[in-house]
Amino acid sequence: MPAPDGTPAGAYYVNAGNVQYRGVEGQAAYAFDFGLSLFANGSSNTAKTVGGTELTKAPRWTDAFGGIYHHGQWESSLTFKQIGAQAIYQNTGATAITSVDGVTVNPGEWRYLKPIEQTNFEVGYNLDNYKVKMGVYNIADHRSINGLSGSGSASSLFSFETGRQVLFTLQGKF
């Protein structure tokens, strides 16, 4: 149950102190006259405390690109997005730890998540007051680890990227 101030139950916040965020980002888009728009976006990032410790769960890069098509009553999109490697913990213990995915992290070393990537496709058709749409999300069915609770040992709780989904939608305007 949320706290009176709306904070979700079990949530906690950590003040990492002075953190320096650095990076560069760029994007481009172009719309053709026949209804196709193409876009690309990318960034390279670092997030470290003033003492030089890498901040966990801050991606080292992001990128996305794709196309969106709209012509008459038809619309569709095909997009790809990627969230780059993220530090999830540092082994501060005296012995090596082997995680559930078979990676050994020695004392003083960091453990990184593999990049998370997803390709999505949607197609829709507009009728006067209705729209019929079908979407396929995470087409390649990637199921990368996207979170970790615990030290990274086999007893830790890992969360994974959602697998492939196919959704059909009927929208009505009233």
Protein backbone atom coordinates (compact mmCIF):
# COMPACT_ATOMS: atom_id res chain seq x y z
CA MET A 1 0.00 0.00 0.00
CA PRO A 2 1.41 3.44 -0.89
CA ALA A 3 2.50 5.80 1.87
CA PRO A 4 0.30 8.87 2.58
CA ASP A 5 2.58 10.98 0.35
CA GLY A 6 2.01 8.58 -2.59
CA THR A 7 5.40 6.82 -2.36
CA PRO A 8 4.96 3.15 -3.37
CA ALA A 9 5.29 0.56 -0.61
CA GLY A 10 8.84 -0.78 -0.37
CA ALA A 11 10.29 2.13 -2.33
CA TYR A 12 13.40 3.83 -1.08
CA TYR A 13 15.56 6.60 -2.38
CA VAL A 14 19.30 6.95 -2.13
CA ASN A 15 21.19 10.21 -2.27
CA ALA A 16 24.36 9.23 -4.12
CA GLY A 17 25.90 12.58 -3.23
CA ASN A 18 27.50 14.70 -5.90
CA VAL A 19 27.12 12.94 -9.24
CA GLN A 20 28.57 14.08 -12.55
CA TYR A 21 26.55 13.23 -15.65
CA ARG A 22 28.38 13.64 -18.93
CA GLY A 23 27.48 12.69 -22.43
CA VAL A 24 26.52 13.61 -25.92
CA GLU A 25 23.25 13.03 -27.77
CA GLY A 26 22.17 13.48 -31.34
CA GLN A 27 19.04 12.95 -33.34
CA ALA A 28 17.78 13.34 -36.87
CA ALA A 29 14.43 12.92 -38.60
CA TYR A 30 13.19 13.35 -42.12
CA ALA A 31 9.62 13.33 -43.44
CA PHE A 32 9.07 12.37 -47.07
CA ASP A 33 6.13 13.75 -49.08
CA PHE A 34 4.57 10.30 -49.55
CA GLY A 35 3.87 9.74 -45.82
CA LEU A 36 7.09 8.11 -44.57
CA SER A 37 9.11 9.60 -41.73
CA LEU A 38 12.49 8.20 -40.71
CA PHE A 39 14.28 8.95 -37.45
CA ALA A 40 17.50 8.09 -35.60
CA ASN A 41 18.66 8.99 -32.11
CA GLY A 42 21.72 8.06 -30.06
CA SER A 43 23.60 9.03 -26.94
CA SER A 44 26.83 8.19 -25.13
CA ASN A 45 26.73 8.74 -21.36
CA THR A 46 28.65 8.47 -18.10
CA ALA A 47 27.35 8.91 -14.57
CA LYS A 48 29.91 8.89 -11.75
CA THR A 49 30.11 10.21 -8.24
CA VAL A 50 32.65 12.95 -7.60
CA GLY A 51 34.85 10.20 -6.09
CA GLY A 52 34.81 8.34 -9.45
CA THR A 53 32.41 5.49 -8.56
CA GLU A 54 30.11 4.56 -11.42
CA LEU A 55 26.41 5.07 -10.74
CA THR A 56 24.34 1.88 -11.04
CA LYS A 57 21.52 1.52 -13.56
CA ALA A 58 22.71 4.46 -15.70
CA PRO A 59 23.06 3.27 -19.32
CA ARG A 60 26.38 3.83 -21.08
CA TRP A 61 24.54 4.56 -24.33
CA THR A 62 21.10 4.58 -25.91
CA ASP A 63 20.03 4.42 -29.53
CA ALA A 64 16.85 4.19 -31.55
CA PHE A 65 15.86 4.35 -35.19
CA GLY A 66 12.93 3.49 -37.37
CA GLY A 67 10.21 4.56 -39.69
CA ILE A 68 6.62 5.71 -39.38
CA TYR A 69 4.26 5.54 -42.35
CA HIS A 70 0.90 7.23 -42.74
CA HIS A 71 -1.07 7.30 -45.97
CA GLY A 72 -4.81 7.69 -46.25
CA GLN A 73 -6.44 5.42 -43.71
CA TRP A 74 -3.32 3.28 -43.18
CA GLU A 75 -0.60 3.82 -40.61
CA SER A 76 2.33 1.68 -39.54
CA SER A 77 5.66 1.85 -37.78
CA LEU A 78 8.80 -0.23 -37.42
CA THR A 79 11.17 0.86 -34.66
CA PHE A 80 14.29 -0.42 -32.93
CA LYS A 81 15.56 0.82 -29.57
CA GLN A 82 18.51 -0.17 -27.40
CA ILE A 83 19.51 0.69 -23.85
CA GLY A 84 23.23 0.13 -23.44
CA ALA A 85 25.14 -1.70 -20.74
CA GLN A 86 24.38 -0.62 -17.16
CA ALA A 87 26.42 -1.23 -14.02
CA ILE A 88 24.30 -3.13 -11.50
CA TYR A 89 26.69 -3.80 -8.62
CA GLN A 90 30.26 -3.83 -7.49
CA ASN A 91 31.66 -6.88 -5.70
CA THR A 92 32.93 -5.39 -2.46
CA GLY A 93 33.36 -8.79 -0.80
CA ALA A 94 36.53 -10.77 -0.16
CA THR A 95 35.70 -13.62 -2.58
CA ALA A 96 34.55 -13.97 -6.17
CA ILE A 97 30.82 -14.23 -6.92
CA THR A 98 29.37 -16.22 -9.82
CA SER A 99 25.99 -14.91 -10.97
CA VAL A 100 23.06 -16.97 -12.22
CA ASP A 101 24.04 -16.21 -15.83
CA GLY A 102 27.50 -17.73 -15.26
CA VAL A 103 29.59 -14.56 -14.99
CA THR A 104 32.22 -14.45 -12.26
CA VAL A 105 32.89 -11.09 -10.67
CA ASN A 106 36.08 -10.78 -8.62
CA PRO A 107 36.44 -8.49 -5.58
CA GLY A 108 36.53 -4.85 -6.66
CA GLU A 109 35.05 -5.59 -10.12
CA TRP A 110 31.76 -4.31 -11.49
CA ARG A 111 28.97 -6.41 -13.00
CA TYR A 112 27.19 -5.00 -16.08
CA LEU A 113 23.86 -5.85 -17.66
CA LYS A 114 23.94 -6.70 -21.35
CA PRO A 115 22.24 -4.13 -23.59
CA ILE A 116 18.46 -4.32 -23.75
CA GLU A 117 17.06 -4.11 -27.27
CA GLN A 118 13.65 -4.27 -28.82
CA THR A 119 12.18 -4.15 -32.32
CA ASN A 120 8.49 -3.26 -32.56
CA PHE A 121 6.00 -3.22 -35.44
CA GLU A 122 2.50 -1.73 -35.62
CA VAL A 123 -0.04 -1.48 -38.39
CA GLY A 124 -3.44 0.16 -38.21
CA TYR A 125 -6.42 1.05 -40.37
CA ASN A 126 -8.75 3.98 -39.64
CA LEU A 127 -12.45 3.69 -40.29
CA ASP A 128 -14.73 6.68 -39.66
CA ASN A 129 -15.18 6.32 -35.89
CA TYR A 130 -13.02 3.25 -35.37
CA LYS A 131 -9.40 2.22 -35.66
CA VAL A 132 -8.21 -1.38 -35.92
CA LYS A 133 -4.60 -1.91 -34.93
CA MET A 134 -2.21 -4.82 -34.54
CA GLY A 135 1.20 -4.58 -32.88
CA VAL A 136 4.05 -7.03 -32.45
CA TYR A 137 6.43 -5.94 -29.71
CA ASN A 138 9.90 -7.36 -29.06
CA ILE A 139 9.78 -9.20 -32.37
CA ALA A 140 13.10 -11.02 -31.79
CA ASP A 141 11.86 -12.20 -28.35
CA HIS A 142 14.93 -10.90 -26.47
CA ARG A 143 14.71 -11.65 -22.74
CA SER A 144 17.76 -9.89 -21.37
CA ILE A 145 18.22 -9.34 -17.65
CA ASN A 146 17.08 -5.77 -16.96
CA GLY A 147 17.31 -5.62 -13.18
CA LEU A 148 18.88 -7.21 -10.12
CA SER A 149 18.04 -7.21 -6.44
CA GLY A 150 20.79 -8.56 -4.23
CA SER A 151 24.49 -9.11 -4.60
CA GLY A 152 24.48 -10.91 -7.93
CA SER A 153 24.81 -14.38 -6.42
CA ALA A 154 22.53 -17.26 -7.39
CA SER A 155 20.15 -16.21 -4.57
CA SER A 156 19.58 -12.76 -6.10
CA LEU A 157 16.29 -11.78 -7.71
CA PHE A 158 16.72 -11.05 -11.41
CA SER A 159 14.08 -9.39 -13.58
CA PHE A 160 13.94 -9.90 -17.34
CA GLU A 161 12.80 -8.02 -20.42
CA THR A 162 9.25 -8.96 -21.42
CA GLY A 163 9.13 -11.48 -24.26
CA ARG A 164 7.35 -11.13 -27.60
CA GLN A 165 3.82 -9.76 -27.45
CA VAL A 166 1.11 -9.56 -30.10
CA LEU A 167 -1.73 -7.14 -29.38
CA PHE A 168 -4.91 -6.42 -31.30
CA THR A 169 -6.75 -3.18 -30.59
CA LEU A 170 -10.12 -1.78 -31.60
CA GLN A 171 -10.57 1.91 -30.76
CA GLY A 172 -13.85 3.75 -30.94
CA LYS A 173 -14.48 7.51 -31.05
CA PHE A 174 -17.65 8.72 -29.43
